């Protein structure tokens, strides 16, 4: 439900308990013992960037003595082999490859705890733009699921068949299963899009107040 802030809170909780991140996989994390509270973590979304932008950003992070770990996030992708089309990404980043932006949509940032909050963005305007970029895939996915829903409703055909349960000749069960799956994915996407919109509105109100 919240791959950015939720993951960030969890990682910082592990650090407070004396665990330092050692390795990050697609599903698992490896830690090694450290002093409690020795490290701080932040999570940044870079799924909208091109591969060249990612490389430059990672070089900049390294120069700041910040360690980074690449992490995948699965949302809003059309895949053909090892190439993915990402309509929500910035210009130059819509086509992703296995050697480029595929499975590198998130960066987990790690630095020594200096007693100050670990803030990725230095001002509110940059934070607002980052939240808008994070919201784009959810909006896209909501539109996509609506189109799929219309397809199921008007064509009366399931999106897939359940061969293990021998549903191939039972369109109703396939249609029902497809509808339930799309409904759940849509609800999750709507919730996240609303959460991000509320966060953007709150920060925008702060900017206006300062002005």
C-alpha atoms as a PDB file:
ATOM      1  CA  UNK A   1       0.000   0.000   0.000  1.00  0.00           C
ATOM      2  CA  UNK A   2       2.868   2.410   0.710  1.00  0.00           C
ATOM      3  CA  UNK A   3       6.173   1.290  -0.830  1.00  0.00           C
ATOM      4  CA  UNK A   4       7.967   4.562  -0.071  1.00  0.00           C
ATOM      5  CA  UNK A   5       7.146   5.889   3.412  1.00  0.00           C
ATOM      6  CA  UNK A   6       6.195   2.454   4.737  1.00  0.00           C
ATOM      7  CA  UNK A   7       9.481   0.909   3.639  1.00  0.00           C
ATOM      8  CA  UNK A   8      11.365   3.943   4.939  1.00  0.00           C
ATOM      9  CA  UNK A   9       9.832   3.650   8.410  1.00  0.00           C
ATOM     10  CA  UNK A  10      10.546  -0.080   8.542  1.00  0.00           C
ATOM     11  CA  UNK A  11      14.203   0.331   7.544  1.00  0.00           C
ATOM     12  CA  UNK A  12      14.783   3.073  10.118  1.00  0.00           C
ATOM     13  CA  UNK A  13      13.158   0.886  12.749  1.00  0.00           C
ATOM     14  CA  UNK A  14      15.624  -1.905  11.903  1.00  0.00           C
ATOM     15  CA  UNK A  15      18.488   0.624  12.181  1.00  0.00           C
ATOM     16  CA  UNK A  16      17.296   1.744  15.621  1.00  0.00           C
ATOM     17  CA  UNK A  17      17.322  -1.917  16.654  1.00  0.00           C
ATOM     18  CA  UNK A  18      20.963  -2.268  15.611  1.00  0.00           C
ATOM     19  CA  UNK A  19      20.716  -3.613  12.065  1.00  0.00           C
ATOM     20  CA  UNK A  20      22.436  -2.185   8.987  1.00  0.00           C
ATOM     21  CA  UNK A  21      21.190  -2.972   5.508  1.00  0.00           C
ATOM     22  CA  UNK A  22      23.647  -5.236   3.700  1.00  0.00           C
ATOM     23  CA  UNK A  23      21.911  -6.452   0.559  1.00  0.00           C
ATOM     24  CA  UNK A  24      18.567  -5.868  -1.170  1.00  0.00           C
ATOM     25  CA  UNK A  25      16.838  -8.352  -3.457  1.00  0.00           C
ATOM     26  CA  UNK A  26      13.475  -8.317  -5.179  1.00  0.00           C
ATOM     27  CA  UNK A  27      11.701  -9.835  -2.182  1.00  0.00           C
ATOM     28  CA  UNK A  28      14.245 -10.088   0.627  1.00  0.00           C
ATOM     29  CA  UNK A  29      16.544  -7.836   2.639  1.00  0.00           C
ATOM     30  CA  UNK A  30      19.802  -8.850   4.317  1.00  0.00           C
ATOM     31  CA  UNK A  31      21.112  -7.025   7.387  1.00  0.00           C
ATOM     32  CA  UNK A  32      24.239  -7.136   9.495  1.00  0.00           C
ATOM     33  CA  UNK A  33      24.715  -6.040  13.087  1.00  0.00           C
ATOM     34  CA  UNK A  34      25.606  -2.411  13.818  1.00  0.00           C
ATOM     35  CA  UNK A  35      25.279   0.070  16.650  1.00  0.00           C
ATOM     36  CA  UNK A  36      21.645   1.006  17.343  1.00  0.00           C
ATOM     37  CA  UNK A  37      20.729   4.164  15.457  1.00  0.00           C
ATOM     38  CA  UNK A  38      24.052   4.325  13.619  1.00  0.00           C
ATOM     39  CA  UNK A  39      22.433   4.660  10.197  1.00  0.00           C
ATOM     40  CA  UNK A  40      19.503   6.497   8.640  1.00  0.00           C
ATOM     41  CA  UNK A  41      17.441   5.482   5.617  1.00  0.00           C
ATOM     42  CA  UNK A  42      15.331   7.234   3.016  1.00  0.00           C
ATOM     43  CA  UNK A  43      13.545   5.832  -0.042  1.00  0.00           C
ATOM     44  CA  UNK A  44      13.337   7.737  -3.311  1.00  0.00           C
ATOM     45  CA  UNK A  45      11.165   7.003  -6.358  1.00  0.00           C
ATOM     46  CA  UNK A  46      13.080   7.272  -9.650  1.00  0.00           C
ATOM     47  CA  UNK A  47      10.763   5.237 -11.896  1.00  0.00           C
ATOM     48  CA  UNK A  48      10.058   8.310 -14.011  1.00  0.00           C
ATOM     49  CA  UNK A  49      13.718   8.838 -14.930  1.00  0.00           C
ATOM     50  CA  UNK A  50      15.666   7.634 -17.940  1.00  0.00           C
ATOM     51  CA  UNK A  51      18.603   5.288 -17.426  1.00  0.00           C
ATOM     52  CA  UNK A  52      21.073   8.122 -18.111  1.00  0.00           C
ATOM     53  CA  UNK A  53      19.373  10.288 -15.475  1.00  0.00           C
ATOM     54  CA  UNK A  54      19.517   7.407 -13.004  1.00  0.00           C
ATOM     55  CA  UNK A  55      23.257   6.937 -13.534  1.00  0.00           C
ATOM     56  CA  UNK A  56      23.944  10.653 -13.009  1.00  0.00           C
ATOM     57  CA  UNK A  57      21.749  10.701  -9.910  1.00  0.00           C
ATOM     58  CA  UNK A  58      23.521   7.674  -8.409  1.00  0.00           C
ATOM     59  CA  UNK A  59      26.898   9.284  -9.104  1.00  0.00           C
ATOM     60  CA  UNK A  60      25.736  12.434  -7.320  1.00  0.00           C
ATOM     61  CA  UNK A  61      24.515  10.402  -4.345  1.00  0.00           C
ATOM     62  CA  UNK A  62      27.842   8.584  -4.084  1.00  0.00           C
ATOM     63  CA  UNK A  63      29.694  11.902  -4.067  1.00  0.00           C
ATOM     64  CA  UNK A  64      27.562  12.893  -1.062  1.00  0.00           C
ATOM     65  CA  UNK A  65      28.851   9.797   0.822  1.00  0.00           C
ATOM     66  CA  UNK A  66      25.408   8.200   0.665  1.00  0.00           C
ATOM     67  CA  UNK A  67      25.095   4.488  -0.068  1.00  0.00           C
ATOM     68  CA  UNK A  68      22.263   3.437  -2.365  1.00  0.00           C
ATOM     69  CA  UNK A  69      20.459   0.158  -3.041  1.00  0.00           C
ATOM     70  CA  UNK A  70      18.304  -0.341  -6.136  1.00  0.00           C
ATOM     71  CA  UNK A  71      14.862  -1.847  -5.567  1.00  0.00           C
ATOM     72  CA  UNK A  72      12.028  -2.762  -7.963  1.00  0.00           C
ATOM     73  CA  UNK A  73       8.445  -1.589  -7.759  1.00  0.00           C
ATOM     74  CA  UNK A  74       5.802  -3.273  -9.894  1.00  0.00           C
ATOM     75  CA  UNK A  75       3.150  -0.923 -11.240  1.00  0.00           C
ATOM     76  CA  UNK A  76       1.858   0.151 -14.638  1.00  0.00           C
ATOM     77  CA  UNK A  77       4.192  -1.726 -16.989  1.00  0.00           C
ATOM     78  CA  UNK A  78       3.626  -3.216 -20.427  1.00  0.00           C
ATOM     79  CA  UNK A  79       6.308  -5.870 -20.945  1.00  0.00           C
ATOM     80  CA  UNK A  80       7.647  -7.454 -24.110  1.00  0.00           C
ATOM     81  CA  UNK A  81      10.549  -9.727 -23.206  1.00  0.00           C
ATOM     82  CA  UNK A  82      13.127  -7.575 -21.455  1.00  0.00           C
ATOM     83  CA  UNK A  83      11.650  -4.270 -22.624  1.00  0.00           C
ATOM     84  CA  UNK A  84       8.951  -2.310 -20.782  1.00  0.00           C
ATOM     85  CA  UNK A  85       6.873   0.644 -21.892  1.00  0.00           C
ATOM     86  CA  UNK A  86       6.188   3.159 -19.126  1.00  0.00           C
ATOM     87  CA  UNK A  87       3.703   5.807 -20.356  1.00  0.00           C
ATOM     88  CA  UNK A  88       3.900   7.702 -17.050  1.00  0.00           C
ATOM     89  CA  UNK A  89       7.676   8.290 -17.199  1.00  0.00           C
ATOM     90  CA  UNK A  90       9.464  11.449 -18.301  1.00  0.00           C
ATOM     91  CA  UNK A  91      10.603  11.992 -21.868  1.00  0.00           C
ATOM     92  CA  UNK A  92      13.508   9.659 -22.562  1.00  0.00           C
ATOM     93  CA  UNK A  93      12.460   7.231 -19.839  1.00  0.00           C
ATOM     94  CA  UNK A  94       9.317   5.673 -21.310  1.00  0.00           C
ATOM     95  CA  UNK A  95      11.186   2.664 -22.694  1.00  0.00           C
ATOM     96  CA  UNK A  96      12.967   0.626 -20.015  1.00  0.00           C
ATOM     97  CA  UNK A  97      15.237  -2.382 -20.507  1.00  0.00           C
ATOM     98  CA  UNK A  98      16.662  -5.058 -18.221  1.00  0.00           C
ATOM     99  CA  UNK A  99      20.035  -3.278 -18.287  1.00  0.00           C
ATOM    100  CA  UNK A 100      18.401   0.067 -17.702  1.00  0.00           C
ATOM    101  CA  UNK A 101      15.439   1.014 -15.510  1.00  0.00           C
ATOM    102  CA  UNK A 102      13.702  -2.356 -15.141  1.00  0.00           C
ATOM    103  CA  UNK A 103      13.708  -3.316 -11.430  1.00  0.00           C
ATOM    104  CA  UNK A 104      15.406  -0.014 -10.516  1.00  0.00           C
ATOM    105  CA  UNK A 105      12.360   2.137  -9.796  1.00  0.00           C
ATOM    106  CA  UNK A 106      13.279   2.770  -6.169  1.00  0.00           C
ATOM    107  CA  UNK A 107      16.500   3.798  -4.486  1.00  0.00           C
ATOM    108  CA  UNK A 108      17.054   3.004  -0.818  1.00  0.00           C
ATOM    109  CA  UNK A 109      19.472   5.620   0.507  1.00  0.00           C
ATOM    110  CA  UNK A 110      21.668   5.011   3.539  1.00  0.00           C
ATOM    111  CA  UNK A 111      23.883   7.414   5.476  1.00  0.00           C
ATOM    112  CA  UNK A 112      25.525   7.711   8.859  1.00  0.00           C
ATOM    113  CA  UNK A 113      23.243   9.223  11.460  1.00  0.00           C
ATOM    114  CA  UNK A 114      24.418  12.785  12.076  1.00  0.00           C
ATOM    115  CA  UNK A 115      21.519  13.694  14.331  1.00  0.00           C
ATOM    116  CA  UNK A 116      19.647  15.537  11.576  1.00  0.00           C
ATOM    117  CA  UNK A 117      16.555  14.325   9.691  1.00  0.00           C
ATOM    118  CA  UNK A 118      17.429  12.500   6.471  1.00  0.00           C
ATOM    119  CA  UNK A 119      15.605  14.697   3.938  1.00  0.00           C
ATOM    120  CA  UNK A 120      15.987  13.889   0.234  1.00  0.00           C
ATOM    121  CA  UNK A 121      14.425  17.135  -0.980  1.00  0.00           C
ATOM    122  CA  UNK A 122      15.694  20.470   0.281  1.00  0.00           C
ATOM    123  CA  UNK A 123      12.501  22.464  -0.358  1.00  0.00           C
ATOM    124  CA  UNK A 124       8.744  21.981  -0.443  1.00  0.00           C
ATOM    125  CA  UNK A 125       8.405  22.655  -4.175  1.00  0.00           C
ATOM    126  CA  UNK A 126      10.755  19.767  -5.034  1.00  0.00           C
ATOM    127  CA  UNK A 127       8.871  17.486  -2.641  1.00  0.00           C
ATOM    128  CA  UNK A 128       5.572  18.371  -4.326  1.00  0.00           C
ATOM    129  CA  UNK A 129       6.988  17.563  -7.769  1.00  0.00           C
ATOM    130  CA  UNK A 130       8.322  14.238  -6.468  1.00  0.00           C
ATOM    131  CA  UNK A 131       4.869  13.334  -5.092  1.00  0.00           C
ATOM    132  CA  UNK A 132       3.267  14.210  -8.423  1.00  0.00           C
ATOM    133  CA  UNK A 133       5.676  11.865 -10.207  1.00  0.00           C
ATOM    134  CA  UNK A 134       4.808   9.100  -7.759  1.00  0.00           C
ATOM    135  CA  UNK A 135       1.096   9.693  -8.366  1.00  0.00           C
ATOM    136  CA  UNK A 136       1.300   9.366 -12.166  1.00  0.00           C
ATOM    137  CA  UNK A 137       1.606   5.539 -12.312  1.00  0.00           C
ATOM    138  CA  UNK A 138      -1.445   5.112 -10.079  1.00  0.00           C
ATOM    139  CA  UNK A 139      -3.561   7.457 -12.212  1.00  0.00           C
ATOM    140  CA  UNK A 140      -2.424   5.634 -15.317  1.00  0.00           C
ATOM    141  CA  UNK A 141      -3.204   2.269 -13.755  1.00  0.00           C
ATOM    142  CA  UNK A 142      -6.706   3.418 -12.706  1.00  0.00           C
ATOM    143  CA  UNK A 143      -7.453   4.433 -16.313  1.00  0.00           C
ATOM    144  CA  UNK A 144      -6.029   1.144 -17.577  1.00  0.00           C
ATOM    145  CA  UNK A 145      -8.164  -0.968 -15.235  1.00  0.00           C
ATOM    146  CA  UNK A 146     -11.274   1.006 -16.232  1.00  0.00           C
ATOM    147  CA  UNK A 147     -10.564   0.250 -19.895  1.00  0.00           C
ATOM    148  CA  UNK A 148     -10.065  -3.424 -19.058  1.00  0.00           C
ATOM    149  CA  UNK A 149     -13.325  -3.380 -17.113  1.00  0.00           C
ATOM    150  CA  UNK A 150     -15.206  -1.995 -20.127  1.00  0.00           C
ATOM    151  CA  UNK A 151     -13.605  -4.672 -22.260  1.00  0.00           C
ATOM    152  CA  UNK A 152     -14.813  -7.431 -19.943  1.00  0.00           C
ATOM    153  CA  UNK A 153     -18.297  -5.928 -19.684  1.00  0.00           C
ATOM    154  CA  UNK A 154     -18.915  -5.389 -23.392  1.00  0.00           C
ATOM    155  CA  UNK A 155     -16.962  -8.276 -24.915  1.00  0.00           C
ATOM    156  CA  UNK A 156     -18.072 -10.722 -22.213  1.00  0.00           C
ATOM    157  CA  UNK A 157     -14.760 -12.502 -22.260  1.00  0.00           C
ATOM    158  CA  UNK A 158     -12.309 -13.012 -19.371  1.00  0.00           C
ATOM    159  CA  UNK A 159      -8.845 -11.494 -19.496  1.00  0.00           C
ATOM    160  CA  UNK A 160      -7.308 -14.874 -18.759  1.00  0.00           C
ATOM    161  CA  UNK A 161      -8.286 -18.511 -18.186  1.00  0.00           C
ATOM    162  CA  UNK A 162      -7.630 -20.727 -15.189  1.00  0.00           C
ATOM    163  CA  UNK A 163      -6.221 -23.910 -16.659  1.00  0.00           C
ATOM    164  CA  UNK A 164      -5.438 -25.404 -13.246  1.00  0.00           C
ATOM    165  CA  UNK A 165      -9.105 -25.283 -12.307  1.00  0.00           C
ATOM    166  CA  UNK A 166     -10.328 -26.191 -15.813  1.00  0.00           C
ATOM    167  CA  UNK A 167     -12.175 -22.903 -16.277  1.00  0.00           C
ATOM    168  CA  UNK A 168     -11.299 -22.625 -19.950  1.00  0.00           C
ATOM    169  CA  UNK A 169     -14.842 -23.394 -21.088  1.00  0.00           C
ATOM    170  CA  UNK A 170     -16.542 -21.366 -18.377  1.00  0.00           C
ATOM    171  CA  UNK A 171     -16.446 -17.710 -19.407  1.00  0.00           C
ATOM    172  CA  UNK A 172     -18.555 -16.587 -16.452  1.00  0.00           C
ATOM    173  CA  UNK A 173     -16.016 -17.779 -13.885  1.00  0.00           C
ATOM    174  CA  UNK A 174     -13.201 -16.211 -15.864  1.00  0.00           C
ATOM    175  CA  UNK A 175     -15.109 -12.919 -16.175  1.00  0.00           C
ATOM    176  CA  UNK A 176     -15.882 -12.936 -12.447  1.00  0.00           C
ATOM    177  CA  UNK A 177     -12.284 -13.657 -11.488  1.00  0.00           C
ATOM    178  CA  UNK A 178     -11.002 -10.957 -13.863  1.00  0.00           C
ATOM    179  CA  UNK A 179     -13.486  -8.454 -12.454  1.00  0.00           C
ATOM    180  CA  UNK A 180     -12.516  -9.205  -8.850  1.00  0.00           C
ATOM    181  CA  UNK A 181      -8.803  -8.893  -9.632  1.00  0.00           C
ATOM    182  CA  UNK A 182      -9.248  -5.598 -11.481  1.00  0.00           C
ATOM    183  CA  UNK A 183     -11.486  -4.315  -8.687  1.00  0.00           C
ATOM    184  CA  UNK A 184      -8.874  -5.011  -6.009  1.00  0.00           C
ATOM    185  CA  UNK A 185      -6.078  -3.450  -8.046  1.00  0.00           C
ATOM    186  CA  UNK A 186      -8.236  -0.408  -8.769  1.00  0.00           C
ATOM    187  CA  UNK A 187      -9.096   0.084  -5.091  1.00  0.00           C
ATOM    188  CA  UNK A 188      -5.424  -0.042  -4.096  1.00  0.00           C
ATOM    189  CA  UNK A 189      -4.506   2.419  -6.861  1.00  0.00           C
ATOM    190  CA  UNK A 190      -7.318   4.817  -5.934  1.00  0.00           C
ATOM    191  CA  UNK A 191      -6.305   4.763  -2.253  1.00  0.00           C
ATOM    192  CA  UNK A 192      -2.666   5.499  -3.059  1.00  0.00           C
ATOM    193  CA  UNK A 193      -3.564   8.232  -5.559  1.00  0.00           C
ATOM    194  CA  UNK A 194      -5.821   9.883  -2.963  1.00  0.00           C
ATOM    195  CA  UNK A 195      -3.141   9.633  -0.264  1.00  0.00           C
ATOM    196  CA  UNK A 196      -0.586  11.269  -2.534  1.00  0.00           C
ATOM    197  CA  UNK A 197      -3.074  13.945  -3.632  1.00  0.00           C
ATOM    198  CA  UNK A 198      -3.804  14.818  -0.007  1.00  0.00           C
ATOM    199  CA  UNK A 199      -0.081  15.015   0.725  1.00  0.00           C
ATOM    200  CA  UNK A 200       0.403  17.312  -2.277  1.00  0.00           C
ATOM    201  CA  UNK A 201      -2.506  19.521  -1.174  1.00  0.00           C
ATOM    202  CA  UNK A 202      -1.091  19.744   2.348  1.00  0.00           C
ATOM    203  CA  UNK A 203       2.341  20.777   1.099  1.00  0.00           C
ATOM    204  CA  UNK A 204       0.828  23.220  -1.413  1.00  0.00           C
ATOM    205  CA  UNK A 205      -1.064  24.877   1.452  1.00  0.00           C
ATOM    206  CA  UNK A 206       2.217  25.230   3.313  1.00  0.00           C
ATOM    207  CA  UNK A 207       3.812  26.961   0.334  1.00  0.00           C
ATOM    208  CA  UNK A 208       0.904  29.424   0.046  1.00  0.00           C
ATOM    209  CA  UNK A 209       1.073  30.133   3.778  1.00  0.00           C
ATOM    210  CA  UNK A 210       4.785  30.934   3.526  1.00  0.00           C
ATOM    211  CA  UNK A 211       4.154  33.236   0.580  1.00  0.00           C
END
